[in-house]
Amino acid sequence: MLRTVITGTGCYIPEEIKTNRDFSAHEFYGEDHKRITAPAEEITKKFQDITGIEERRYASSEHTASDLAYFAAEQAIVSSGINRETLDQIIFAHNYGDVPKHYIQTDAVPSLGSRLKQKLGIVNPSCIAYDLLFGCPGWLQGVIHSDAFFKAGVAKKILVVGAETLSRVIDPYDRDSMIFSDGAGATILEYKET
């Protein structure tokens, strides 16, 4: 019986650490656009009690989302043992494209999927690379797409990547911004007899 199987995985977690202490000097504003008068240390403590988050990772200034995706994808390809030229598709799940450090302008054309294909050095013209903008469950939706493509006979091997540099687009005055961070995960999916 043929099934969709994860045959390789990879991830990239940036090295720059932001702890809750790094937010202790922030001014936070509520939904009513008024400054929250509680001390920032109290806000970050309550945030940690609710979420359990003590630290998050931010990408270094020279890296964008497509760079993080490349690092994770390389690991996934090695982990699976496949020849990258045999990939039928690359599905890149993200929200904001490549956002350079200290800019608010997103860069999503050409697609990040195409950029990733180029960074991986894939020359196979039959390998389709595209972006999937689907919010937080984007990677999962990429897996669902893959399964449908496999069952339709359109593909046999697909690289699904989720990557983001949310630290570049968050509002530092929004206390909810402490939830977000940067990173990438990648999987090789194959349609195989199991």
Protein backbone atom coordinates (compact mmCIF):
# COMPACT_ATOMS: atom_id res chain seq x y z
CA MET A 1 0.00 0.00 0.00
CA LEU A 2 1.32 3.43 -0.96
CA ARG A 3 1.47 6.06 1.76
CA THR A 4 2.82 9.55 2.32
CA VAL A 5 5.93 9.15 4.47
CA ILE A 6 8.37 11.65 6.01
CA THR A 7 11.79 10.34 4.98
CA GLY A 8 13.96 13.25 6.11
CA THR A 9 13.84 16.23 8.44
CA GLY A 10 15.90 19.31 9.15
CA CYS A 11 15.68 22.51 11.15
CA TYR A 12 17.46 25.76 11.74
CA ILE A 13 17.23 27.63 15.03
CA PRO A 14 19.08 30.98 15.07
CA GLU A 15 21.72 31.60 17.70
CA GLU A 16 20.63 35.08 18.87
CA ILE A 17 18.65 34.60 22.10
CA LYS A 18 16.12 37.12 23.42
CA THR A 19 15.06 36.36 26.97
CA ASN A 20 12.09 37.85 28.77
CA ARG A 21 14.57 40.10 30.61
CA ASP A 22 15.30 41.76 27.25
CA PHE A 23 11.72 43.03 27.26
CA SER A 24 11.87 44.40 30.80
CA ALA A 25 12.59 47.96 29.60
CA HIS A 26 9.87 48.00 26.93
CA GLU A 27 6.80 50.18 26.98
CA PHE A 28 3.72 48.19 26.07
CA TYR A 29 0.42 49.51 24.73
CA GLY A 30 -3.00 47.88 24.83
CA GLU A 31 -5.57 47.44 22.10
CA ASP A 32 -6.98 50.84 23.03
CA HIS A 33 -3.60 52.41 22.05
CA LYS A 34 -3.01 53.51 25.64
CA ARG A 35 0.19 52.77 27.50
CA ILE A 36 -0.11 49.84 29.89
CA THR A 37 0.86 51.23 33.28
CA ALA A 38 1.97 47.92 34.82
CA PRO A 39 5.77 47.60 34.97
CA ALA A 40 7.29 45.73 32.01
CA GLU A 41 8.83 43.17 34.40
CA GLU A 42 5.35 42.35 35.71
CA ILE A 43 4.01 42.00 32.15
CA THR A 44 6.85 39.68 31.10
CA LYS A 45 6.44 37.57 34.26
CA LYS A 46 2.70 37.17 33.59
CA PHE A 47 3.49 36.36 29.94
CA GLN A 48 5.89 33.61 31.03
CA ASP A 49 3.36 32.21 33.53
CA ILE A 50 0.71 32.00 30.77
CA THR A 51 2.86 30.74 27.88
CA GLY A 52 5.85 29.07 29.51
CA ILE A 53 8.10 30.98 27.07
CA GLU A 54 11.36 32.13 28.66
CA GLU A 55 13.34 32.88 25.52
CA ARG A 56 13.05 33.08 21.76
CA ARG A 57 15.52 33.05 18.86
CA TYR A 58 16.05 35.81 16.31
CA ALA A 59 17.84 35.52 12.97
CA SER A 60 21.19 37.24 12.57
CA SER A 61 21.24 40.43 10.53
CA GLU A 62 22.65 38.77 7.40
CA HIS A 63 19.97 36.05 7.18
CA THR A 64 16.44 36.15 5.75
CA ALA A 65 13.65 33.57 5.85
CA SER A 66 14.86 31.93 2.64
CA ASP A 67 18.35 31.57 4.16
CA LEU A 68 16.92 29.85 7.24
CA ALA A 69 14.88 27.59 4.95
CA TYR A 70 18.01 26.68 2.99
CA PHE A 71 19.83 25.59 6.17
CA ALA A 72 16.89 23.41 7.23
CA ALA A 73 16.32 22.01 3.71
CA GLU A 74 19.95 20.94 3.35
CA GLN A 75 19.62 18.92 6.57
CA ALA A 76 16.37 17.32 5.39
CA ILE A 77 17.88 16.30 2.05
CA VAL A 78 20.91 14.74 3.76
CA SER A 79 18.65 13.07 6.34
CA SER A 80 16.50 11.47 3.62
CA GLY A 81 19.42 10.36 1.47
CA ILE A 82 17.68 11.44 -1.75
CA ASN A 83 19.21 13.10 -4.78
CA ARG A 84 17.87 16.69 -4.67
CA GLU A 85 17.39 16.61 -8.46
CA THR A 86 14.64 13.99 -7.98
CA LEU A 87 12.39 16.40 -6.08
CA ASP A 88 9.11 17.01 -7.91
CA GLN A 89 8.08 20.02 -5.83
CA ILE A 90 9.25 22.49 -3.21
CA ILE A 91 6.49 23.95 -1.07
CA PHE A 92 7.63 26.93 1.02
CA ALA A 93 5.21 27.97 3.78
CA HIS A 94 5.70 31.49 5.17
CA ASN A 95 3.80 34.71 5.85
CA TYR A 96 6.03 37.69 5.13
CA GLY A 97 8.67 36.76 2.57
CA ASP A 98 12.25 37.85 3.00
CA VAL A 99 12.45 40.90 5.26
CA PRO A 100 15.97 42.32 5.57
CA LYS A 101 17.05 43.43 9.05
CA HIS A 102 16.03 47.03 9.88
CA TYR A 103 13.52 47.19 7.01
CA ILE A 104 9.78 46.82 7.09
CA GLN A 105 9.45 46.11 3.37
CA THR A 106 8.76 42.49 2.52
CA ASP A 107 10.41 40.89 -0.50
CA ALA A 108 8.42 37.96 -1.89
CA VAL A 109 9.02 38.18 -5.64
CA PRO A 110 10.38 35.96 -7.03
CA SER A 111 8.78 33.40 -4.76
CA LEU A 112 10.75 32.16 -1.78
CA GLY A 113 10.22 28.62 -3.11
CA SER A 114 12.09 29.61 -6.28
CA ARG A 115 14.84 31.26 -4.24
CA LEU A 116 15.19 28.11 -2.17
CA LYS A 117 15.40 25.95 -5.30
CA GLN A 118 18.21 28.20 -6.57
CA LYS A 119 20.06 28.17 -3.22
CA LEU A 120 19.86 24.36 -3.20
CA GLY A 121 21.39 24.33 -6.69
CA ILE A 122 18.52 22.32 -8.20
CA VAL A 123 18.54 22.59 -11.99
CA ASN A 124 15.75 20.10 -12.76
CA PRO A 125 13.17 22.19 -14.69
CA SER A 126 10.41 19.75 -13.69
CA CYS A 127 10.84 20.60 -10.00
CA ILE A 128 7.99 23.02 -9.25
CA ALA A 129 8.72 25.51 -6.44
CA TYR A 130 6.00 27.67 -4.96
CA ASP A 131 4.99 29.58 -1.83
CA LEU A 132 2.13 28.79 0.49
CA LEU A 133 0.91 31.75 2.56
CA PHE A 134 -1.31 30.16 5.16
CA GLY A 135 -0.36 31.60 8.55
CA CYS A 136 0.74 29.42 11.44
CA PRO A 137 -0.47 26.07 9.99
CA GLY A 138 1.32 26.69 6.65
CA TRP A 139 3.72 23.75 6.96
CA LEU A 140 0.86 21.40 7.81
CA GLN A 141 -1.10 22.68 4.81
CA GLY A 142 2.00 21.96 2.70
CA VAL A 143 1.91 18.36 3.93
CA ILE A 144 -1.79 18.17 3.02
CA HIS A 145 -0.99 19.54 -0.47
CA SER A 146 1.78 16.95 -0.84
CA ASP A 147 -0.50 14.08 0.09
CA ALA A 148 -3.08 15.26 -2.46
CA PHE A 149 -0.41 15.60 -5.18
CA PHE A 150 0.88 12.11 -4.39
CA LYS A 151 -2.59 10.57 -4.57
CA ALA A 152 -3.26 12.39 -7.85
CA GLY A 153 -0.08 10.94 -9.35
CA VAL A 154 1.46 14.37 -9.84
CA ALA A 155 4.51 13.88 -7.58
CA LYS A 156 6.55 11.27 -5.71
CA LYS A 157 9.01 13.42 -3.70
CA ILE A 158 8.32 16.84 -2.21
CA LEU A 159 10.30 19.17 0.04
CA VAL A 160 8.01 21.05 2.45
CA VAL A 161 9.58 23.94 4.35
CA GLY A 162 8.20 26.36 6.91
CA ALA A 163 10.35 29.41 7.69
CA GLU A 164 9.83 32.86 9.11
CA THR A 165 11.66 35.88 10.52
CA LEU A 166 8.80 37.34 12.52
CA SER A 167 11.22 39.35 14.65
CA ARG A 168 11.49 41.70 11.67
CA VAL A 169 7.78 42.54 11.49
CA ILE A 170 6.57 42.55 15.11
CA ASP A 171 5.41 45.66 16.91
CA PRO A 172 7.77 46.11 19.89
CA TYR A 173 5.02 47.94 21.78
CA ASP A 174 2.63 44.98 21.56
CA ARG A 175 3.09 42.59 24.50
CA ASP A 176 1.93 39.72 22.27
CA SER A 177 5.10 40.24 20.18
CA MET A 178 6.99 38.26 22.83
CA ILE A 179 5.34 35.10 21.43
CA PHE A 180 7.05 35.31 18.06
CA SER A 181 10.53 34.29 16.96
CA ASP A 182 12.49 33.09 13.91
CA GLY A 183 13.40 29.68 12.57
CA ALA A 184 12.85 27.04 9.91
CA GLY A 185 11.83 23.41 9.62
CA ALA A 186 11.96 21.16 6.57
CA THR A 187 10.75 17.70 5.63
CA ILE A 188 11.18 15.42 2.66
CA LEU A 189 7.91 13.63 1.90
CA GLU A 190 7.75 10.60 -0.37
CA TYR A 191 4.94 8.42 -1.65
CA LYS A 192 6.18 4.94 -0.83
CA GLU A 193 5.12 1.37 -0.30
CA THR A 194 4.95 0.76 3.45
